[in-house]
Amino acid sequence: MNFTRFFAVVKARNIEFFRDKSSLGWNLFFPVLLLVGFSLVFSGDGKPVYQVGVIDLAQTKSSFVDTRYIDFVDYQNLEQAKIKLDQHKIDFVVDFAQQQYWVNENSSKSYFVEKIFLAQHQAFAKGVTQGEAIRYIDWVLPGILGMNMMFSCLFGVGYVIVRYRKNHVLKRLKATPLTSLEFVSAQLFSRLFIVLFMSSVVYIGCDMLFDFYMLGSYIDLFLVGMLGAFSLLAMGLLVASRSKSEELIGGLLNLTSWPMMLLSGVWFSLESAPNAIKVLADFLPLTHIVSAARKIITEGASLADISYHLTILGGMSIGFLLLGAYFFSWNTER
């Protein structure tokens, strides 16, 4: 590993990116436009139904959980459910085993669900919480930043490597003392720096405009972004490891990115989704990036609290990187 050659490639790749004004502008302004649009469209509470958190829903026999037009969400942790109630993410919490329920005094929906509940159960003890609703823009922020990071990582690495291969740049580099490890490492390091830099600029700039909600640590959030970006970069390397066709790599990258954008909880919560969707979503790195970041921002979670997501991302990063390095070719035709 020659670090002189490594940093020379990193420097060249960074200069190439920042000189491309269209790519630079897209990475800066696209997430900002999305945030502005969602802040206007979802300025109010747009949820059409009530959501009720039930402690140990699978063991509940009450007919209340069969009430139409109410979504029932299973919680094993009472404190987590109460945090969601505080933030107006759910409208009511009930523990049938302890015969207790909780309402949010600042939520009109909580008031109406309580009336529906008391029509069937009168002997339950009442608990009260207070809290203002988290704006939709605060909730969707990790999803938008994660989605922007996903596109930047996948297409930034995938298209660049395929373009280099198609233009025979890789073939020329192969004739130099540069090794494949040095080249691949430099590409990943360069794009990692660019993604983290652009995401930080976007977050700081939008925070000045929207004053985002934040309960956790900015350092923890940055570390999640770093690990998540590395995982997506390794995935992009794997997808582009052998292809020479820009048309093929475009299709492969879209096939990779669109399921993540739709099933990773970017736009809507997966808490009440079918179990099959949740299982599928767990295989997508963007799911763990968005979930971990959202827990830090809206729940004040520490790295220990999101260790499951970090472990999955770490395992995916190593797996993608090893497979990408194994299949990587300088000048293969397909």
C-alpha atoms as a PDB file:
ATOM      1  CA  MET A   1       0.000   0.000   0.000  1.00  0.00           C
ATOM      2  CA  ASN A   2       1.760   3.133  -1.270  1.00  0.00           C
ATOM      3  CA  PHE A   3       0.142   6.139   0.394  1.00  0.00           C
ATOM      4  CA  THR A   4       1.685   8.614  -2.060  1.00  0.00           C
ATOM      5  CA  ARG A   5      -0.156   6.977  -4.953  1.00  0.00           C
ATOM      6  CA  PHE A   6      -3.247   6.517  -2.780  1.00  0.00           C
ATOM      7  CA  PHE A   7      -3.513  10.221  -1.891  1.00  0.00           C
ATOM      8  CA  ALA A   8      -2.719  11.230  -5.470  1.00  0.00           C
ATOM      9  CA  VAL A   9      -5.805   9.328  -6.677  1.00  0.00           C
ATOM     10  CA  VAL A  10      -7.907  10.755  -3.816  1.00  0.00           C
ATOM     11  CA  LYS A  11      -6.864  14.297  -4.747  1.00  0.00           C
ATOM     12  CA  ALA A  12      -7.565  13.730  -8.449  1.00  0.00           C
ATOM     13  CA  ARG A  13     -11.014  12.291  -7.736  1.00  0.00           C
ATOM     14  CA  ASN A  14     -11.962  15.163  -5.408  1.00  0.00           C
ATOM     15  CA  ILE A  15     -10.878  17.757  -7.958  1.00  0.00           C
ATOM     16  CA  GLU A  16     -12.877  15.941 -10.637  1.00  0.00           C
ATOM     17  CA  PHE A  17     -16.031  16.028  -8.491  1.00  0.00           C
ATOM     18  CA  PHE A  18     -15.829  19.668  -7.420  1.00  0.00           C
ATOM     19  CA  ARG A  19     -15.155  20.787 -11.006  1.00  0.00           C
ATOM     20  CA  ASP A  20     -18.369  19.081 -12.134  1.00  0.00           C
ATOM     21  CA  LYS A  21     -20.768  21.928 -11.366  1.00  0.00           C
ATOM     22  CA  SER A  22     -23.900  19.948 -12.246  1.00  0.00           C
ATOM     23  CA  SER A  23     -23.119  17.114  -9.813  1.00  0.00           C
ATOM     24  CA  LEU A  24     -22.102  19.589  -7.131  1.00  0.00           C
ATOM     25  CA  GLY A  25     -25.298  21.588  -7.567  1.00  0.00           C
ATOM     26  CA  TRP A  26     -27.468  18.453  -7.561  1.00  0.00           C
ATOM     27  CA  ASN A  27     -25.987  17.176  -4.307  1.00  0.00           C
ATOM     28  CA  LEU A  28     -26.456  20.585  -2.670  1.00  0.00           C
ATOM     29  CA  PHE A  29     -29.872  21.713  -3.852  1.00  0.00           C
ATOM     30  CA  PHE A  30     -31.881  18.514  -4.449  1.00  0.00           C
ATOM     31  CA  PRO A  31     -32.314  17.604  -0.735  1.00  0.00           C
ATOM     32  CA  VAL A  32     -33.010  21.261   0.086  1.00  0.00           C
ATOM     33  CA  LEU A  33     -35.809  21.375  -2.504  1.00  0.00           C
ATOM     34  CA  LEU A  34     -37.274  18.147  -1.098  1.00  0.00           C
ATOM     35  CA  LEU A  35     -37.254  19.536   2.436  1.00  0.00           C
ATOM     36  CA  VAL A  36     -38.898  22.784   1.341  1.00  0.00           C
ATOM     37  CA  GLY A  37     -41.546  20.892  -0.620  1.00  0.00           C
ATOM     38  CA  PHE A  38     -42.396  18.538   2.240  1.00  0.00           C
ATOM     39  CA  SER A  39     -42.485  21.388   4.731  1.00  0.00           C
ATOM     40  CA  LEU A  40     -45.217  23.002   2.618  1.00  0.00           C
ATOM     41  CA  VAL A  41     -47.197  19.888   1.715  1.00  0.00           C
ATOM     42  CA  PHE A  42     -47.073  18.258   5.163  1.00  0.00           C
ATOM     43  CA  SER A  43     -47.268  21.374   7.335  1.00  0.00           C
ATOM     44  CA  GLY A  44     -50.178  19.871   9.269  1.00  0.00           C
ATOM     45  CA  ASP A  45     -50.989  16.457  10.691  1.00  0.00           C
ATOM     46  CA  GLY A  46     -51.784  14.521   7.537  1.00  0.00           C
ATOM     47  CA  LYS A  47     -52.394  11.098   9.087  1.00  0.00           C
ATOM     48  CA  PRO A  48     -55.910   9.924   8.179  1.00  0.00           C
ATOM     49  CA  VAL A  49     -56.330   7.380  11.060  1.00  0.00           C
ATOM     50  CA  TYR A  50     -55.611   7.020  14.746  1.00  0.00           C
ATOM     51  CA  GLN A  51     -52.603   5.040  15.933  1.00  0.00           C
ATOM     52  CA  VAL A  52     -52.623   3.207  19.250  1.00  0.00           C
ATOM     53  CA  GLY A  53     -49.612   1.647  20.928  1.00  0.00           C
ATOM     54  CA  VAL A  54     -50.407  -1.654  22.677  1.00  0.00           C
ATOM     55  CA  ILE A  55     -47.971  -3.273  25.072  1.00  0.00           C
ATOM     56  CA  ASP A  56     -47.514  -6.917  24.000  1.00  0.00           C
ATOM     57  CA  LEU A  57     -50.190  -6.790  21.314  1.00  0.00           C
ATOM     58  CA  ALA A  58     -49.871 -10.510  20.475  1.00  0.00           C
ATOM     59  CA  GLN A  59     -51.126 -11.476  23.941  1.00  0.00           C
ATOM     60  CA  THR A  60     -54.042  -9.044  23.943  1.00  0.00           C
ATOM     61  CA  LYS A  61     -57.546 -10.538  23.768  1.00  0.00           C
ATOM     62  CA  SER A  62     -59.623  -7.341  24.000  1.00  0.00           C
ATOM     63  CA  SER A  63     -62.106  -6.546  21.238  1.00  0.00           C
ATOM     64  CA  PHE A  64     -60.765  -2.984  21.310  1.00  0.00           C
ATOM     65  CA  VAL A  65     -57.868  -4.051  19.072  1.00  0.00           C
ATOM     66  CA  ASP A  66     -60.415  -5.003  16.400  1.00  0.00           C
ATOM     67  CA  THR A  67     -61.751  -1.455  16.154  1.00  0.00           C
ATOM     68  CA  ARG A  68     -61.864  -0.275  12.551  1.00  0.00           C
ATOM     69  CA  TYR A  69     -59.958   2.806  11.344  1.00  0.00           C
ATOM     70  CA  ILE A  70     -57.402   2.502  14.149  1.00  0.00           C
ATOM     71  CA  ASP A  71     -53.882   1.200  13.566  1.00  0.00           C
ATOM     72  CA  PHE A  72     -52.565  -0.826  16.498  1.00  0.00           C
ATOM     73  CA  VAL A  73     -48.776  -0.897  16.930  1.00  0.00           C
ATOM     74  CA  ASP A  74     -47.079  -3.523  19.081  1.00  0.00           C
ATOM     75  CA  TYR A  75     -44.582  -2.293  21.721  1.00  0.00           C
ATOM     76  CA  GLN A  76     -42.569  -4.391  24.129  1.00  0.00           C
ATOM     77  CA  ASN A  77     -41.095  -1.374  25.911  1.00  0.00           C
ATOM     78  CA  LEU A  78     -43.529   0.930  27.724  1.00  0.00           C
ATOM     79  CA  GLU A  79     -41.098   3.843  27.923  1.00  0.00           C
ATOM     80  CA  GLN A  80     -40.505   3.754  24.189  1.00  0.00           C
ATOM     81  CA  ALA A  81     -44.248   3.812  23.568  1.00  0.00           C
ATOM     82  CA  LYS A  82     -44.673   6.787  25.912  1.00  0.00           C
ATOM     83  CA  ILE A  83     -41.930   8.688  24.064  1.00  0.00           C
ATOM     84  CA  LYS A  84     -43.849   8.108  20.837  1.00  0.00           C
ATOM     85  CA  LEU A  85     -46.990   9.363  22.575  1.00  0.00           C
ATOM     86  CA  ASP A  86     -45.164  12.470  23.801  1.00  0.00           C
ATOM     87  CA  GLN A  87     -44.116  13.231  20.231  1.00  0.00           C
ATOM     88  CA  HIS A  88     -47.617  12.624  18.788  1.00  0.00           C
ATOM     89  CA  LYS A  89     -46.282   9.722  16.720  1.00  0.00           C
ATOM     90  CA  ILE A  90     -49.062   7.610  18.247  1.00  0.00           C
ATOM     91  CA  ASP A  91     -52.286   8.832  19.847  1.00  0.00           C
ATOM     92  CA  PHE A  92     -52.817   6.449  22.759  1.00  0.00           C
ATOM     93  CA  VAL A  93     -50.943   3.811  24.772  1.00  0.00           C
ATOM     94  CA  VAL A  94     -52.584   0.931  26.601  1.00  0.00           C
ATOM     95  CA  ASP A  95     -51.201  -1.917  28.705  1.00  0.00           C
ATOM     96  CA  PHE A  96     -53.937  -4.534  29.128  1.00  0.00           C
ATOM     97  CA  ALA A  97     -51.831  -6.698  31.438  1.00  0.00           C
ATOM     98  CA  GLN A  98     -51.460  -3.852  33.966  1.00  0.00           C
ATOM     99  CA  GLN A  99     -54.873  -2.346  33.142  1.00  0.00           C
ATOM    100  CA  GLN A 100     -53.412   1.104  32.460  1.00  0.00           C
ATOM    101  CA  TYR A 101     -53.589   3.557  29.602  1.00  0.00           C
ATOM    102  CA  TRP A 102     -51.907   6.875  28.776  1.00  0.00           C
ATOM    103  CA  VAL A 103     -53.038   9.924  26.849  1.00  0.00           C
ATOM    104  CA  ASN A 104     -51.271  13.052  25.673  1.00  0.00           C
ATOM    105  CA  GLU A 105     -53.039  16.120  27.040  1.00  0.00           C
ATOM    106  CA  ASN A 106     -51.817  18.230  24.099  1.00  0.00           C
ATOM    107  CA  SER A 107     -53.235  15.893  21.447  1.00  0.00           C
ATOM    108  CA  SER A 108     -56.817  16.157  20.200  1.00  0.00           C
ATOM    109  CA  LYS A 109     -56.561  12.674  18.690  1.00  0.00           C
ATOM    110  CA  SER A 110     -55.548  11.259  22.056  1.00  0.00           C
ATOM    111  CA  TYR A 111     -58.729  12.717  23.557  1.00  0.00           C
ATOM    112  CA  PHE A 112     -60.988  11.047  20.990  1.00  0.00           C
ATOM    113  CA  VAL A 113     -59.249   7.656  21.206  1.00  0.00           C
ATOM    114  CA  GLU A 114     -59.682   7.781  24.987  1.00  0.00           C
ATOM    115  CA  LYS A 115     -63.435   8.240  24.538  1.00  0.00           C
ATOM    116  CA  ILE A 116     -63.571   5.234  22.199  1.00  0.00           C
ATOM    117  CA  PHE A 117     -61.510   3.151  24.620  1.00  0.00           C
ATOM    118  CA  LEU A 118     -63.603   4.051  27.678  1.00  0.00           C
ATOM    119  CA  ALA A 119     -66.732   2.895  25.867  1.00  0.00           C
ATOM    120  CA  GLN A 120     -65.396  -0.651  26.287  1.00  0.00           C
ATOM    121  CA  HIS A 121     -63.065  -0.441  29.319  1.00  0.00           C
ATOM    122  CA  GLN A 122     -63.857   1.652  32.406  1.00  0.00           C
ATOM    123  CA  ALA A 123     -61.705   0.004  35.101  1.00  0.00           C
ATOM    124  CA  PHE A 124     -58.307   1.011  33.696  1.00  0.00           C
ATOM    125  CA  ALA A 125     -56.003   3.482  35.484  1.00  0.00           C
ATOM    126  CA  LYS A 126     -55.262   6.631  33.524  1.00  0.00           C
ATOM    127  CA  GLY A 127     -51.822   8.103  32.930  1.00  0.00           C
ATOM    128  CA  VAL A 128     -51.120  11.497  31.416  1.00  0.00           C
ATOM    129  CA  THR A 129     -48.163  12.776  29.392  1.00  0.00           C
ATOM    130  CA  GLN A 130     -47.484  16.090  27.706  1.00  0.00           C
ATOM    131  CA  GLY A 131     -45.510  16.948  24.612  1.00  0.00           C
ATOM    132  CA  GLU A 132     -45.666  18.902  21.399  1.00  0.00           C
ATOM    133  CA  ALA A 133     -45.836  17.167  18.025  1.00  0.00           C
ATOM    134  CA  ILE A 134     -42.668  16.656  16.017  1.00  0.00           C
ATOM    135  CA  ARG A 135     -43.051  18.276  12.624  1.00  0.00           C
ATOM    136  CA  TYR A 136     -43.120  15.956   9.626  1.00  0.00           C
ATOM    137  CA  ILE A 137     -40.063  17.734   8.268  1.00  0.00           C
ATOM    138  CA  ASP A 138     -38.135  16.777  11.425  1.00  0.00           C
ATOM    139  CA  TRP A 139     -39.230  13.165  11.104  1.00  0.00           C
ATOM    140  CA  VAL A 140     -38.490  12.882   7.370  1.00  0.00           C
ATOM    141  CA  LEU A 141     -35.094  14.635   7.595  1.00  0.00           C
ATOM    142  CA  PRO A 142     -33.034  11.437   8.217  1.00  0.00           C
ATOM    143  CA  GLY A 143     -34.816   9.755   5.308  1.00  0.00           C
ATOM    144  CA  ILE A 144     -34.093  12.563   2.863  1.00  0.00           C
ATOM    145  CA  LEU A 145     -30.454  12.852   3.901  1.00  0.00           C
ATOM    146  CA  GLY A 146     -30.103   9.063   3.767  1.00  0.00           C
ATOM    147  CA  MET A 147     -31.706   8.897   0.325  1.00  0.00           C
ATOM    148  CA  ASN A 148     -29.452  11.655  -0.984  1.00  0.00           C
ATOM    149  CA  MET A 149     -26.469   9.820   0.516  1.00  0.00           C
ATOM    150  CA  MET A 150     -27.607   6.582  -1.138  1.00  0.00           C
ATOM    151  CA  PHE A 151     -27.780   8.084  -4.622  1.00  0.00           C
ATOM    152  CA  SER A 152     -24.485   9.903  -4.170  1.00  0.00           C
ATOM    153  CA  CYS A 153     -22.717   6.735  -3.008  1.00  0.00           C
ATOM    154  CA  LEU A 154     -24.167   4.257  -5.479  1.00  0.00           C
ATOM    155  CA  PHE A 155     -24.081   6.397  -8.588  1.00  0.00           C
ATOM    156  CA  GLY A 156     -20.922   8.246  -7.561  1.00  0.00           C
ATOM    157  CA  VAL A 157     -18.906   5.045  -7.306  1.00  0.00           C
ATOM    158  CA  GLY A 158     -20.797   2.915  -9.823  1.00  0.00           C
ATOM    159  CA  TYR A 159     -20.879   5.310 -12.750  1.00  0.00           C
ATOM    160  CA  VAL A 160     -17.370   6.612 -12.171  1.00  0.00           C
ATOM    161  CA  ILE A 161     -15.774   3.149 -12.163  1.00  0.00           C
ATOM    162  CA  VAL A 162     -17.785   2.022 -15.208  1.00  0.00           C
ATOM    163  CA  ARG A 163     -16.882   5.239 -17.053  1.00  0.00           C
ATOM    164  CA  TYR A 164     -13.225   4.726 -16.213  1.00  0.00           C
ATOM    165  CA  ARG A 165     -13.454   1.139 -17.439  1.00  0.00           C
ATOM    166  CA  LYS A 166     -15.306   2.096 -20.640  1.00  0.00           C
ATOM    167  CA  ASN A 167     -12.830   4.884 -21.454  1.00  0.00           C
ATOM    168  CA  HIS A 168      -9.907   2.532 -20.763  1.00  0.00           C
ATOM    169  CA  VAL A 169      -8.704   4.649 -17.867  1.00  0.00           C
ATOM    170  CA  LEU A 170      -8.574   1.556 -15.691  1.00  0.00           C
ATOM    171  CA  LYS A 171      -6.589  -0.238 -18.369  1.00  0.00           C
ATOM    172  CA  ARG A 172      -3.990   2.539 -18.316  1.00  0.00           C
ATOM    173  CA  LEU A 173      -3.910   2.630 -14.530  1.00  0.00           C
ATOM    174  CA  LYS A 174      -3.300  -1.110 -14.492  1.00  0.00           C
ATOM    175  CA  ALA A 175      -0.020  -0.476 -16.337  1.00  0.00           C
ATOM    176  CA  THR A 176       1.151   1.827 -13.518  1.00  0.00           C
ATOM    177  CA  PRO A 177       2.454   0.750 -10.104  1.00  0.00           C
ATOM    178  CA  LEU A 178      -1.017   1.518  -8.697  1.00  0.00           C
ATOM    179  CA  THR A 179      -2.572  -1.636  -7.214  1.00  0.00           C
ATOM    180  CA  SER A 180      -6.258  -2.496  -7.274  1.00  0.00           C
ATOM    181  CA  LEU A 181      -6.379  -2.148  -3.468  1.00  0.00           C
ATOM    182  CA  GLU A 182      -4.937   1.370  -3.658  1.00  0.00           C
ATOM    183  CA  PHE A 183      -7.311   2.397  -6.450  1.00  0.00           C
ATOM    184  CA  VAL A 184     -10.462   0.981  -4.834  1.00  0.00           C
ATOM    185  CA  SER A 185      -9.517   2.358  -1.400  1.00  0.00           C
ATOM    186  CA  ALA A 186      -8.864   5.800  -2.871  1.00  0.00           C
ATOM    187  CA  GLN A 187     -12.235   5.790  -4.666  1.00  0.00           C
ATOM    188  CA  LEU A 188     -14.073   4.823  -1.492  1.00  0.00           C
ATOM    189  CA  PHE A 189     -12.196   7.306   0.696  1.00  0.00           C
ATOM    190  CA  SER A 190     -12.719  10.140  -1.794  1.00  0.00           C
ATOM    191  CA  ARG A 191     -16.456   9.543  -2.155  1.00  0.00           C
ATOM    192  CA  LEU A 192     -16.820   9.052   1.614  1.00  0.00           C
ATOM    193  CA  PHE A 193     -15.262  12.469   2.207  1.00  0.00           C
ATOM    194  CA  ILE A 194     -17.460  14.067  -0.471  1.00  0.00           C
ATOM    195  CA  VAL A 195     -20.693  12.467   0.812  1.00  0.00           C
ATOM    196  CA  LEU A 196     -20.057  13.407   4.441  1.00  0.00           C
ATOM    197  CA  PHE A 197     -18.981  16.931   3.509  1.00  0.00           C
ATOM    198  CA  MET A 198     -22.014  17.560   1.288  1.00  0.00           C
ATOM    199  CA  SER A 199     -24.445  16.009   3.804  1.00  0.00           C
ATOM    200  CA  SER A 200     -22.992  18.139   6.613  1.00  0.00           C
ATOM    201  CA  VAL A 201     -23.294  21.298   4.522  1.00  0.00           C
ATOM    202  CA  VAL A 202     -26.912  20.493   3.633  1.00  0.00           C
ATOM    203  CA  TYR A 203     -27.836  19.662   7.240  1.00  0.00           C
ATOM    204  CA  ILE A 204     -26.218  22.776   8.726  1.00  0.00           C
ATOM    205  CA  GLY A 205     -27.690  25.057   6.062  1.00  0.00           C
ATOM    206  CA  CYS A 206     -31.216  23.636   6.423  1.00  0.00           C
ATOM    207  CA  ASP A 207     -30.959  23.653  10.213  1.00  0.00           C
ATOM    208  CA  MET A 208     -30.465  27.407  10.091  1.00  0.00           C
ATOM    209  CA  LEU A 209     -33.631  27.671   8.003  1.00  0.00           C
ATOM    210  CA  PHE A 210     -35.901  25.088   9.683  1.00  0.00           C
ATOM    211  CA  ASP A 211     -34.439  24.766  13.217  1.00  0.00           C
ATOM    212  CA  PHE A 212     -34.531  20.965  13.265  1.00  0.00           C
ATOM    213  CA  TYR A 213     -35.572  18.927  16.299  1.00  0.00           C
ATOM    214  CA  MET A 214     -32.573  17.173  17.885  1.00  0.00           C
ATOM    215  CA  LEU A 215     -32.431  15.168  21.130  1.00  0.00           C
ATOM    216  CA  GLY A 216     -29.291  13.089  20.594  1.00  0.00           C
ATOM    217  CA  SER A 217     -25.610  13.681  19.943  1.00  0.00           C
ATOM    218  CA  TYR A 218     -24.372  15.241  16.722  1.00  0.00           C
ATOM    219  CA  ILE A 219     -21.213  13.132  17.002  1.00  0.00           C
ATOM    220  CA  ASP A 220     -23.281   9.933  17.150  1.00  0.00           C
ATOM    221  CA  LEU A 221     -25.289  11.108  14.153  1.00  0.00           C
ATOM    222  CA  PHE A 222     -22.081  11.798  12.208  1.00  0.00           C
ATOM    223  CA  LEU A 223     -20.706   8.342  13.052  1.00  0.00           C
ATOM    224  CA  VAL A 224     -23.921   6.708  11.831  1.00  0.00           C
ATOM    225  CA  GLY A 225     -23.648   8.715   8.613  1.00  0.00           C
ATOM    226  CA  MET A 226     -20.025   7.654   8.165  1.00  0.00           C
ATOM    227  CA  LEU A 227     -20.728   3.942   8.665  1.00  0.00           C
ATOM    228  CA  GLY A 228     -23.871   4.108   6.535  1.00  0.00           C
ATOM    229  CA  ALA A 229     -22.095   5.909   3.695  1.00  0.00           C
ATOM    230  CA  PHE A 230     -19.279   3.367   3.752  1.00  0.00           C
ATOM    231  CA  SER A 231     -21.798   0.521   3.536  1.00  0.00           C
ATOM    232  CA  LEU A 232     -23.524   2.117   0.529  1.00  0.00           C
ATOM    233  CA  LEU A 233     -20.171   2.827  -1.129  1.00  0.00           C
ATOM    234  CA  ALA A 234     -19.143  -0.804  -0.732  1.00  0.00           C
ATOM    235  CA  MET A 235     -22.482  -1.833  -2.269  1.00  0.00           C
ATOM    236  CA  GLY A 236     -21.879   0.528  -5.213  1.00  0.00           C
ATOM    237  CA  LEU A 237     -18.425  -0.984  -5.689  1.00  0.00           C
ATOM    238  CA  LEU A 238     -19.915  -4.476  -5.758  1.00  0.00           C
ATOM    239  CA  VAL A 239     -22.569  -3.522  -8.337  1.00  0.00           C
ATOM    240  CA  ALA A 240     -19.947  -1.888 -10.599  1.00  0.00           C
ATOM    241  CA  SER A 241     -17.188  -4.438 -10.032  1.00  0.00           C
ATOM    242  CA  ARG A 242     -17.331  -5.968 -13.520  1.00  0.00           C
ATOM    243  CA  SER A 243     -19.710  -4.029 -15.778  1.00  0.00           C
ATOM    244  CA  LYS A 244     -18.437  -1.932 -18.673  1.00  0.00           C
ATOM    245  CA  SER A 245     -21.831  -0.784 -19.994  1.00  0.00           C
ATOM    246  CA  GLU A 246     -23.233   2.515 -18.670  1.00  0.00           C
ATOM    247  CA  GLU A 247     -26.721   1.361 -19.672  1.00  0.00           C
ATOM    248  CA  LEU A 248     -26.332  -1.842 -17.687  1.00  0.00           C
ATOM    249  CA  ILE A 249     -24.908  -0.139 -14.617  1.00  0.00           C
ATOM    250  CA  GLY A 250     -27.735   2.413 -14.746  1.00  0.00           C
ATOM    251  CA  GLY A 251     -30.305  -0.370 -14.617  1.00  0.00           C
ATOM    252  CA  LEU A 252     -28.460  -2.242 -11.877  1.00  0.00           C
ATOM    253  CA  LEU A 253     -28.127   0.874  -9.733  1.00  0.00           C
ATOM    254  CA  ASN A 254     -31.803   1.732 -10.172  1.00  0.00           C
ATOM    255  CA  LEU A 255     -32.699  -1.862  -9.307  1.00  0.00           C
ATOM    256  CA  THR A 256     -30.606  -1.461  -6.154  1.00  0.00           C
ATOM    257  CA  SER A 257     -31.726   2.014  -5.100  1.00  0.00           C
ATOM    258  CA  TRP A 258     -35.486   2.042  -5.738  1.00  0.00           C
ATOM    259  CA  PRO A 259     -36.402  -0.776  -3.329  1.00  0.00           C
ATOM    260  CA  MET A 260     -34.370   0.997  -0.643  1.00  0.00           C
ATOM    261  CA  MET A 261     -36.101   4.307  -1.321  1.00  0.00           C
ATOM    262  CA  LEU A 262     -39.563   2.715  -1.086  1.00  0.00           C
ATOM    263  CA  LEU A 263     -39.079   0.155   1.707  1.00  0.00           C
ATOM    264  CA  SER A 264     -36.528   1.727   4.053  1.00  0.00           C
ATOM    265  CA  GLY A 265     -38.861   4.034   5.960  1.00  0.00           C
ATOM    266  CA  VAL A 266     -37.706   7.161   4.124  1.00  0.00           C
ATOM    267  CA  TRP A 267     -41.183   8.633   3.649  1.00  0.00           C
ATOM    268  CA  PHE A 268     -43.353   6.714   6.109  1.00  0.00           C
ATOM    269  CA  SER A 269     -42.992   4.633   9.244  1.00  0.00           C
ATOM    270  CA  LEU A 270     -42.749   0.855   8.937  1.00  0.00           C
ATOM    271  CA  GLU A 271     -44.037   0.212  12.466  1.00  0.00           C
ATOM    272  CA  SER A 272     -47.488  -0.869  11.302  1.00  0.00           C
ATOM    273  CA  ALA A 273     -46.287  -2.511   8.060  1.00  0.00           C
ATOM    274  CA  PRO A 274     -46.767  -6.264   7.453  1.00  0.00           C
ATOM    275  CA  ASN A 275     -44.066  -8.490   8.910  1.00  0.00           C
ATOM    276  CA  ALA A 276     -42.963  -9.598   5.437  1.00  0.00           C
ATOM    277  CA  ILE A 277     -42.163  -5.976   4.526  1.00  0.00           C
ATOM    278  CA  LYS A 278     -40.238  -5.489   7.775  1.00  0.00           C
ATOM    279  CA  VAL A 279     -38.160  -8.623   7.128  1.00  0.00           C
ATOM    280  CA  LEU A 280     -37.375  -7.478   3.585  1.00  0.00           C
ATOM    281  CA  ALA A 281     -36.501  -3.985   4.800  1.00  0.00           C
ATOM    282  CA  ASP A 282     -33.980  -5.420   7.271  1.00  0.00           C
ATOM    283  CA  PHE A 283     -31.870  -6.607   4.338  1.00  0.00           C
ATOM    284  CA  LEU A 284     -31.505  -3.038   3.019  1.00  0.00           C
ATOM    285  CA  PRO A 285     -28.670  -0.883   4.427  1.00  0.00           C
ATOM    286  CA  LEU A 286     -30.677   2.328   4.036  1.00  0.00           C
ATOM    287  CA  THR A 287     -33.271   0.945   6.505  1.00  0.00           C
ATOM    288  CA  HIS A 288     -30.658   0.757   9.257  1.00  0.00           C
ATOM    289  CA  ILE A 289     -29.146   4.149   8.385  1.00  0.00           C
ATOM    290  CA  VAL A 290     -32.512   5.922   8.538  1.00  0.00           C
ATOM    291  CA  SER A 291     -33.721   4.044  11.636  1.00  0.00           C
ATOM    292  CA  ALA A 292     -30.508   4.697  13.571  1.00  0.00           C
ATOM    293  CA  ALA A 293     -30.388   8.378  12.619  1.00  0.00           C
ATOM    294  CA  ARG A 294     -34.078   8.853  13.399  1.00  0.00           C
ATOM    295  CA  LYS A 295     -33.679   7.293  16.857  1.00  0.00           C
ATOM    296  CA  ILE A 296     -30.781   9.658  17.615  1.00  0.00           C
ATOM    297  CA  ILE A 297     -32.669  12.732  16.406  1.00  0.00           C
ATOM    298  CA  THR A 298     -36.170  12.064  17.748  1.00  0.00           C
ATOM    299  CA  GLU A 299     -35.507   9.796  20.755  1.00  0.00           C
ATOM    300  CA  GLY A 300     -32.051  10.877  21.914  1.00  0.00           C
ATOM    301  CA  ALA A 301     -30.690   7.335  21.471  1.00  0.00           C
ATOM    302  CA  SER A 302     -27.015   6.599  22.155  1.00  0.00           C
ATOM    303  CA  LEU A 303     -24.739   4.353  20.097  1.00  0.00           C
ATOM    304  CA  ALA A 304     -25.462   1.525  22.548  1.00  0.00           C
ATOM    305  CA  ASP A 305     -29.201   1.917  21.915  1.00  0.00           C
ATOM    306  CA  ILE A 306     -28.722   1.525  18.157  1.00  0.00           C
ATOM    307  CA  SER A 307     -26.042  -1.170  18.355  1.00  0.00           C
ATOM    308  CA  TYR A 308     -28.260  -3.568  16.372  1.00  0.00           C
ATOM    309  CA  HIS A 309     -28.346  -1.217  13.375  1.00  0.00           C
ATOM    310  CA  LEU A 310     -24.615  -0.478  13.644  1.00  0.00           C
ATOM    311  CA  THR A 311     -23.774  -4.179  13.762  1.00  0.00           C
ATOM    312  CA  ILE A 312     -25.861  -4.896  10.670  1.00  0.00           C
ATOM    313  CA  LEU A 313     -24.295  -1.988   8.784  1.00  0.00           C
ATOM    314  CA  GLY A 314     -20.810  -3.108   9.780  1.00  0.00           C
ATOM    315  CA  GLY A 315     -21.480  -6.658   8.622  1.00  0.00           C
ATOM    316  CA  MET A 316     -22.957  -5.446   5.326  1.00  0.00           C
ATOM    317  CA  SER A 317     -19.971  -3.153   4.739  1.00  0.00           C
ATOM    318  CA  ILE A 318     -17.479  -5.982   5.193  1.00  0.00           C
ATOM    319  CA  GLY A 319     -19.518  -8.373   3.041  1.00  0.00           C
ATOM    320  CA  PHE A 320     -20.002  -5.893   0.178  1.00  0.00           C
ATOM    321  CA  LEU A 321     -16.347  -4.834   0.306  1.00  0.00           C
ATOM    322  CA  LEU A 322     -14.992  -8.387   0.205  1.00  0.00           C
ATOM    323  CA  LEU A 323     -17.282  -9.395  -2.643  1.00  0.00           C
ATOM    324  CA  GLY A 324     -16.552  -6.183  -4.559  1.00  0.00           C
ATOM    325  CA  ALA A 325     -12.799  -6.665  -4.202  1.00  0.00           C
ATOM    326  CA  TYR A 326     -13.094 -10.319  -5.243  1.00  0.00           C
ATOM    327  CA  PHE A 327     -15.112  -9.619  -8.388  1.00  0.00           C
ATOM    328  CA  PHE A 328     -13.383  -6.333  -9.325  1.00  0.00           C
ATOM    329  CA  SER A 329     -11.794  -6.277 -12.770  1.00  0.00           C
ATOM    330  CA  TRP A 330      -9.789  -3.572 -14.507  1.00  0.00           C
ATOM    331  CA  ASN A 331     -10.958  -4.167 -18.060  1.00  0.00           C
ATOM    332  CA  THR A 332     -13.608  -6.898 -18.240  1.00  0.00           C
ATOM    333  CA  GLU A 333     -16.175  -6.575 -21.009  1.00  0.00           C
ATOM    334  CA  ARG A 334     -19.141  -7.527 -18.849  1.00  0.00           C
END
